């Protein structure tokens, strides 16, 4: 596929969404962005990456991170009592996502990329879920925590992602009509899920 395209992945915690995204990027030989966007947003704005890490996929009503004494190239109009709102973080990140999508084919994980790139002529929006037991097992292993703690982390993280997505988009996180494809990675496993999505992407863009 010579024309530029993007794959946007929404995911439940523990579904293997990031791993699937990485494998898809490798499969198609295109760029992959998840946490990497934080570093790019920091470089673009002149702000310490910690501010973006703190605001990452948090509900927008809060105000994140004091900026007293920091030097930045962002206009003064974005300040609120020497703080930056999540709307500002979202705008910075959105601009970067659009620029990257215009430059090259990419896989984006989370961050409302499907909404931000809603006008992109060649995008595929995928939501990945998994069976609860598989999610708990994966998170417990990845974070070296108990299954009980993993369940708690999953609930909190999914709630945060849902609030963030629903606030900034006009869609509903995890609801089928918000995406081109929703898939349970527990059914086929990670590698075969990658195979399935790859075929879907080829058919969608053909």
C-alpha atoms as a PDB file:
ATOM      1  CA  UNK A   1       0.000   0.000   0.000  1.00  0.00           C
ATOM      2  CA  UNK A   2       1.762   3.067  -1.267  1.00  0.00           C
ATOM      3  CA  UNK A   3      -0.678   5.675   0.021  1.00  0.00           C
ATOM      4  CA  UNK A   4      -0.318   6.778   3.634  1.00  0.00           C
ATOM      5  CA  UNK A   5      -2.738   5.239   6.124  1.00  0.00           C
ATOM      6  CA  UNK A   6      -3.234   5.074   9.881  1.00  0.00           C
ATOM      7  CA  UNK A   7      -4.425   2.403  12.301  1.00  0.00           C
ATOM      8  CA  UNK A   8      -5.894   3.782  15.525  1.00  0.00           C
ATOM      9  CA  UNK A   9      -6.204   1.377  18.429  1.00  0.00           C
ATOM     10  CA  UNK A  10      -8.418   1.769  21.459  1.00  0.00           C
ATOM     11  CA  UNK A  11      -7.951  -0.900  24.096  1.00  0.00           C
ATOM     12  CA  UNK A  12      -8.934  -2.175  27.499  1.00  0.00           C
ATOM     13  CA  UNK A  13      -6.057  -2.525  29.939  1.00  0.00           C
ATOM     14  CA  UNK A  14      -4.662  -6.035  29.766  1.00  0.00           C
ATOM     15  CA  UNK A  15      -6.139  -6.773  26.340  1.00  0.00           C
ATOM     16  CA  UNK A  16      -2.743  -6.790  24.660  1.00  0.00           C
ATOM     17  CA  UNK A  17      -3.619  -3.682  22.669  1.00  0.00           C
ATOM     18  CA  UNK A  18      -0.150  -2.141  22.754  1.00  0.00           C
ATOM     19  CA  UNK A  19       1.511  -5.432  21.817  1.00  0.00           C
ATOM     20  CA  UNK A  20      -0.921  -5.912  18.960  1.00  0.00           C
ATOM     21  CA  UNK A  21      -0.284  -2.355  17.796  1.00  0.00           C
ATOM     22  CA  UNK A  22       3.473  -2.900  17.803  1.00  0.00           C
ATOM     23  CA  UNK A  23       3.122  -6.121  15.832  1.00  0.00           C
ATOM     24  CA  UNK A  24       0.839  -4.453  13.302  1.00  0.00           C
ATOM     25  CA  UNK A  25       3.341  -1.636  12.827  1.00  0.00           C
ATOM     26  CA  UNK A  26       6.093  -4.197  12.253  1.00  0.00           C
ATOM     27  CA  UNK A  27       3.884  -6.195   9.899  1.00  0.00           C
ATOM     28  CA  UNK A  28       3.176  -3.183   7.709  1.00  0.00           C
ATOM     29  CA  UNK A  29       6.595  -1.563   8.175  1.00  0.00           C
ATOM     30  CA  UNK A  30       5.124   1.672   9.545  1.00  0.00           C
ATOM     31  CA  UNK A  31       5.667   3.908  12.584  1.00  0.00           C
ATOM     32  CA  UNK A  32       4.265   3.092  16.028  1.00  0.00           C
ATOM     33  CA  UNK A  33       3.224   5.645  18.652  1.00  0.00           C
ATOM     34  CA  UNK A  34       1.985   5.184  22.192  1.00  0.00           C
ATOM     35  CA  UNK A  35       4.023   6.624  25.056  1.00  0.00           C
ATOM     36  CA  UNK A  36       6.368   7.980  22.384  1.00  0.00           C
ATOM     37  CA  UNK A  37       3.870  10.786  21.858  1.00  0.00           C
ATOM     38  CA  UNK A  38       4.645  12.118  25.336  1.00  0.00           C
ATOM     39  CA  UNK A  39       8.287  12.645  24.403  1.00  0.00           C
ATOM     40  CA  UNK A  40       7.299  14.336  21.152  1.00  0.00           C
ATOM     41  CA  UNK A  41       4.760  16.576  22.903  1.00  0.00           C
ATOM     42  CA  UNK A  42       7.390  17.568  25.445  1.00  0.00           C
ATOM     43  CA  UNK A  43       9.906  18.427  22.721  1.00  0.00           C
ATOM     44  CA  UNK A  44       7.323  20.351  20.675  1.00  0.00           C
ATOM     45  CA  UNK A  45       6.033  22.437  23.583  1.00  0.00           C
ATOM     46  CA  UNK A  46       9.218  22.925  25.583  1.00  0.00           C
ATOM     47  CA  UNK A  47       7.517  21.470  28.674  1.00  0.00           C
ATOM     48  CA  UNK A  48       8.967  18.730  30.851  1.00  0.00           C
ATOM     49  CA  UNK A  49       7.611  15.326  29.856  1.00  0.00           C
ATOM     50  CA  UNK A  50       6.411  14.788  33.438  1.00  0.00           C
ATOM     51  CA  UNK A  51       3.550  17.210  32.792  1.00  0.00           C
ATOM     52  CA  UNK A  52       2.330  15.099  29.896  1.00  0.00           C
ATOM     53  CA  UNK A  53       2.793  11.882  31.850  1.00  0.00           C
ATOM     54  CA  UNK A  54       0.644  13.297  34.653  1.00  0.00           C
ATOM     55  CA  UNK A  55      -2.067  14.409  32.241  1.00  0.00           C
ATOM     56  CA  UNK A  56      -1.907  11.311  30.043  1.00  0.00           C
ATOM     57  CA  UNK A  57      -5.460  10.066  29.427  1.00  0.00           C
ATOM     58  CA  UNK A  58      -6.871  11.739  32.533  1.00  0.00           C
ATOM     59  CA  UNK A  59     -10.317  13.279  32.560  1.00  0.00           C
ATOM     60  CA  UNK A  60     -10.202  16.858  31.347  1.00  0.00           C
ATOM     61  CA  UNK A  61     -12.025  18.616  34.185  1.00  0.00           C
ATOM     62  CA  UNK A  62      -8.905  18.678  36.360  1.00  0.00           C
ATOM     63  CA  UNK A  63      -6.004  21.094  36.094  1.00  0.00           C
ATOM     64  CA  UNK A  64      -2.652  19.363  35.958  1.00  0.00           C
ATOM     65  CA  UNK A  65       0.831  20.452  36.957  1.00  0.00           C
ATOM     66  CA  UNK A  66       2.176  23.764  38.212  1.00  0.00           C
ATOM     67  CA  UNK A  67       4.365  25.668  35.791  1.00  0.00           C
ATOM     68  CA  UNK A  68       5.868  28.386  37.976  1.00  0.00           C
ATOM     69  CA  UNK A  69       9.370  29.147  36.843  1.00  0.00           C
ATOM     70  CA  UNK A  70       9.146  27.045  33.669  1.00  0.00           C
ATOM     71  CA  UNK A  71       9.976  28.564  30.319  1.00  0.00           C
ATOM     72  CA  UNK A  72       7.843  27.504  27.375  1.00  0.00           C
ATOM     73  CA  UNK A  73       7.024  28.609  23.858  1.00  0.00           C
ATOM     74  CA  UNK A  74       3.279  28.195  24.480  1.00  0.00           C
ATOM     75  CA  UNK A  75       1.181  31.365  24.374  1.00  0.00           C
ATOM     76  CA  UNK A  76       0.212  32.926  27.719  1.00  0.00           C
ATOM     77  CA  UNK A  77      -3.449  32.450  26.878  1.00  0.00           C
ATOM     78  CA  UNK A  78      -3.234  28.760  27.783  1.00  0.00           C
ATOM     79  CA  UNK A  79      -2.306  29.501  31.384  1.00  0.00           C
ATOM     80  CA  UNK A  80      -4.859  29.230  34.162  1.00  0.00           C
ATOM     81  CA  UNK A  81      -3.378  30.619  37.376  1.00  0.00           C
ATOM     82  CA  UNK A  82       0.065  29.379  36.274  1.00  0.00           C
ATOM     83  CA  UNK A  83      -1.264  25.932  35.466  1.00  0.00           C
ATOM     84  CA  UNK A  84      -2.039  24.195  32.191  1.00  0.00           C
ATOM     85  CA  UNK A  85      -5.401  22.539  31.649  1.00  0.00           C
ATOM     86  CA  UNK A  86      -5.811  19.115  30.115  1.00  0.00           C
ATOM     87  CA  UNK A  87      -7.468  20.797  27.128  1.00  0.00           C
ATOM     88  CA  UNK A  88      -4.120  22.408  26.363  1.00  0.00           C
ATOM     89  CA  UNK A  89      -2.267  19.122  26.688  1.00  0.00           C
ATOM     90  CA  UNK A  90      -4.855  17.536  24.430  1.00  0.00           C
ATOM     91  CA  UNK A  91      -4.423  20.245  21.794  1.00  0.00           C
ATOM     92  CA  UNK A  92      -0.634  19.904  21.788  1.00  0.00           C
ATOM     93  CA  UNK A  93      -0.864  16.140  21.460  1.00  0.00           C
ATOM     94  CA  UNK A  94      -3.599  16.370  18.798  1.00  0.00           C
ATOM     95  CA  UNK A  95      -1.496  18.687  16.639  1.00  0.00           C
ATOM     96  CA  UNK A  96       1.405  16.244  16.827  1.00  0.00           C
ATOM     97  CA  UNK A  97      -0.801  13.270  15.909  1.00  0.00           C
ATOM     98  CA  UNK A  98      -2.161  15.116  12.874  1.00  0.00           C
ATOM     99  CA  UNK A  99       1.327  16.121  11.753  1.00  0.00           C
ATOM    100  CA  UNK A 100       2.634  12.573  12.078  1.00  0.00           C
ATOM    101  CA  UNK A 101      -0.357  11.097  10.225  1.00  0.00           C
ATOM    102  CA  UNK A 102       0.212  13.568   7.405  1.00  0.00           C
ATOM    103  CA  UNK A 103       3.896  12.710   7.185  1.00  0.00           C
ATOM    104  CA  UNK A 104       3.763   8.908   7.231  1.00  0.00           C
ATOM    105  CA  UNK A 105       1.709   5.786   7.786  1.00  0.00           C
ATOM    106  CA  UNK A 106       1.401   5.065  11.501  1.00  0.00           C
ATOM    107  CA  UNK A 107      -0.203   3.054  14.272  1.00  0.00           C
ATOM    108  CA  UNK A 108      -1.522   5.155  17.165  1.00  0.00           C
ATOM    109  CA  UNK A 109      -2.543   3.612  20.475  1.00  0.00           C
ATOM    110  CA  UNK A 110      -5.146   5.471  22.546  1.00  0.00           C
ATOM    111  CA  UNK A 111      -5.217   9.257  23.013  1.00  0.00           C
ATOM    112  CA  UNK A 112      -8.424   9.712  21.018  1.00  0.00           C
ATOM    113  CA  UNK A 113      -6.412   9.321  17.819  1.00  0.00           C
ATOM    114  CA  UNK A 114      -9.450   7.946  15.995  1.00  0.00           C
ATOM    115  CA  UNK A 115     -11.379  11.115  16.835  1.00  0.00           C
ATOM    116  CA  UNK A 116      -8.460  13.444  16.153  1.00  0.00           C
ATOM    117  CA  UNK A 117      -7.943  11.829  12.742  1.00  0.00           C
ATOM    118  CA  UNK A 118     -11.646  11.493  11.958  1.00  0.00           C
ATOM    119  CA  UNK A 119     -11.175  13.396   8.678  1.00  0.00           C
ATOM    120  CA  UNK A 120      -8.228  11.286   7.539  1.00  0.00           C
ATOM    121  CA  UNK A 121      -9.264   9.576   4.278  1.00  0.00           C
ATOM    122  CA  UNK A 122      -7.429   6.309   5.019  1.00  0.00           C
ATOM    123  CA  UNK A 123      -7.794   5.393   8.681  1.00  0.00           C
ATOM    124  CA  UNK A 124      -8.895   2.210  10.425  1.00  0.00           C
ATOM    125  CA  UNK A 125     -10.219   2.418  13.971  1.00  0.00           C
ATOM    126  CA  UNK A 126      -9.977  -0.729  16.075  1.00  0.00           C
ATOM    127  CA  UNK A 127     -11.000  -1.460  19.653  1.00  0.00           C
ATOM    128  CA  UNK A 128      -9.395  -4.408  21.427  1.00  0.00           C
ATOM    129  CA  UNK A 129     -10.850  -6.168  24.445  1.00  0.00           C
ATOM    130  CA  UNK A 130     -10.148  -9.528  26.098  1.00  0.00           C
ATOM    131  CA  UNK A 131     -11.681 -11.915  28.593  1.00  0.00           C
ATOM    132  CA  UNK A 132     -11.434 -10.685  32.178  1.00  0.00           C
ATOM    133  CA  UNK A 133      -9.316 -13.606  33.340  1.00  0.00           C
ATOM    134  CA  UNK A 134      -6.764 -13.018  30.579  1.00  0.00           C
ATOM    135  CA  UNK A 135      -6.644  -9.302  31.323  1.00  0.00           C
ATOM    136  CA  UNK A 136      -6.112  -9.822  35.051  1.00  0.00           C
ATOM    137  CA  UNK A 137      -3.426 -12.426  34.414  1.00  0.00           C
ATOM    138  CA  UNK A 138      -1.569 -10.192  31.955  1.00  0.00           C
ATOM    139  CA  UNK A 139      -1.654  -7.078  34.168  1.00  0.00           C
ATOM    140  CA  UNK A 140      -0.623  -9.040  37.283  1.00  0.00           C
ATOM    141  CA  UNK A 141       2.359 -10.462  35.393  1.00  0.00           C
ATOM    142  CA  UNK A 142       3.370  -7.207  33.707  1.00  0.00           C
ATOM    143  CA  UNK A 143       3.200  -5.167  36.920  1.00  0.00           C
ATOM    144  CA  UNK A 144       4.275  -7.950  39.302  1.00  0.00           C
ATOM    145  CA  UNK A 145       1.182  -7.509  41.483  1.00  0.00           C
ATOM    146  CA  UNK A 146      -1.527  -9.772  42.881  1.00  0.00           C
ATOM    147  CA  UNK A 147      -4.595 -10.674  40.862  1.00  0.00           C
ATOM    148  CA  UNK A 148      -6.725  -8.674  43.283  1.00  0.00           C
ATOM    149  CA  UNK A 149      -4.569  -5.595  42.796  1.00  0.00           C
ATOM    150  CA  UNK A 150      -4.537  -6.171  39.037  1.00  0.00           C
ATOM    151  CA  UNK A 151      -8.337  -6.183  38.978  1.00  0.00           C
ATOM    152  CA  UNK A 152      -8.360  -2.875  40.838  1.00  0.00           C
ATOM    153  CA  UNK A 153      -5.825  -1.334  38.449  1.00  0.00           C
ATOM    154  CA  UNK A 154      -7.853  -2.509  35.443  1.00  0.00           C
ATOM    155  CA  UNK A 155     -11.077  -0.981  36.743  1.00  0.00           C
ATOM    156  CA  UNK A 156      -9.453   2.358  37.547  1.00  0.00           C
ATOM    157  CA  UNK A 157      -7.523   2.563  34.276  1.00  0.00           C
ATOM    158  CA  UNK A 158     -10.487   1.659  32.086  1.00  0.00           C
ATOM    159  CA  UNK A 159     -12.626   4.208  33.908  1.00  0.00           C
ATOM    160  CA  UNK A 160      -9.984   6.875  33.317  1.00  0.00           C
ATOM    161  CA  UNK A 161      -9.653   5.989  29.628  1.00  0.00           C
ATOM    162  CA  UNK A 162     -13.410   5.998  29.171  1.00  0.00           C
ATOM    163  CA  UNK A 163     -13.844   9.413  30.795  1.00  0.00           C
ATOM    164  CA  UNK A 164     -10.983  10.869  28.754  1.00  0.00           C
ATOM    165  CA  UNK A 165     -12.287   9.501  25.451  1.00  0.00           C
ATOM    166  CA  UNK A 166     -15.913  10.410  26.075  1.00  0.00           C
ATOM    167  CA  UNK A 167     -14.978  13.933  27.170  1.00  0.00           C
ATOM    168  CA  UNK A 168     -12.821  14.823  24.184  1.00  0.00           C
ATOM    169  CA  UNK A 169     -14.736  12.994  21.447  1.00  0.00           C
ATOM    170  CA  UNK A 170     -18.374  12.871  20.452  1.00  0.00           C
ATOM    171  CA  UNK A 171     -18.313   9.084  20.727  1.00  0.00           C
ATOM    172  CA  UNK A 172     -18.423   6.442  23.457  1.00  0.00           C
ATOM    173  CA  UNK A 173     -15.331   4.498  24.467  1.00  0.00           C
ATOM    174  CA  UNK A 174     -15.564   0.776  23.775  1.00  0.00           C
ATOM    175  CA  UNK A 175     -18.941   0.928  22.011  1.00  0.00           C
ATOM    176  CA  UNK A 176     -18.927  -0.857  18.649  1.00  0.00           C
ATOM    177  CA  UNK A 177     -20.410   2.003  16.643  1.00  0.00           C
ATOM    178  CA  UNK A 178     -17.405   4.157  17.569  1.00  0.00           C
ATOM    179  CA  UNK A 179     -14.999   1.918  15.616  1.00  0.00           C
ATOM    180  CA  UNK A 180     -14.597   0.064  12.340  1.00  0.00           C
ATOM    181  CA  UNK A 181     -13.691  -3.161  14.130  1.00  0.00           C
ATOM    182  CA  UNK A 182     -13.998  -4.455  17.701  1.00  0.00           C
ATOM    183  CA  UNK A 183     -12.190  -7.679  18.542  1.00  0.00           C
ATOM    184  CA  UNK A 184     -11.611  -9.883  21.591  1.00  0.00           C
ATOM    185  CA  UNK A 185      -7.943 -10.890  21.593  1.00  0.00           C
ATOM    186  CA  UNK A 186      -8.688 -13.877  23.842  1.00  0.00           C
ATOM    187  CA  UNK A 187     -10.579 -15.623  21.037  1.00  0.00           C
ATOM    188  CA  UNK A 188      -7.679 -15.945  18.594  1.00  0.00           C
ATOM    189  CA  UNK A 189      -4.692 -15.012  20.745  1.00  0.00           C
ATOM    190  CA  UNK A 190      -2.333 -12.108  20.128  1.00  0.00           C
ATOM    191  CA  UNK A 191      -0.627 -13.292  16.948  1.00  0.00           C
ATOM    192  CA  UNK A 192      -3.763 -14.485  15.182  1.00  0.00           C
ATOM    193  CA  UNK A 193      -5.550 -11.300  16.226  1.00  0.00           C
ATOM    194  CA  UNK A 194      -2.756  -9.406  14.476  1.00  0.00           C
ATOM    195  CA  UNK A 195      -3.303 -11.598  11.404  1.00  0.00           C
ATOM    196  CA  UNK A 196      -7.040 -10.918  11.461  1.00  0.00           C
ATOM    197  CA  UNK A 197      -6.658  -7.155  11.837  1.00  0.00           C
ATOM    198  CA  UNK A 198      -4.006  -7.102   9.105  1.00  0.00           C
ATOM    199  CA  UNK A 199      -6.410  -8.738   6.678  1.00  0.00           C
ATOM    200  CA  UNK A 200      -9.164  -6.349   7.724  1.00  0.00           C
ATOM    201  CA  UNK A 201      -6.892  -3.359   7.110  1.00  0.00           C
ATOM    202  CA  UNK A 202      -5.956  -4.608   3.640  1.00  0.00           C
ATOM    203  CA  UNK A 203      -9.607  -5.161   2.736  1.00  0.00           C
ATOM    204  CA  UNK A 204     -10.647  -1.802   4.181  1.00  0.00           C
ATOM    205  CA  UNK A 205      -8.013   0.091   2.201  1.00  0.00           C
ATOM    206  CA  UNK A 206      -8.217  -1.899  -1.020  1.00  0.00           C
END
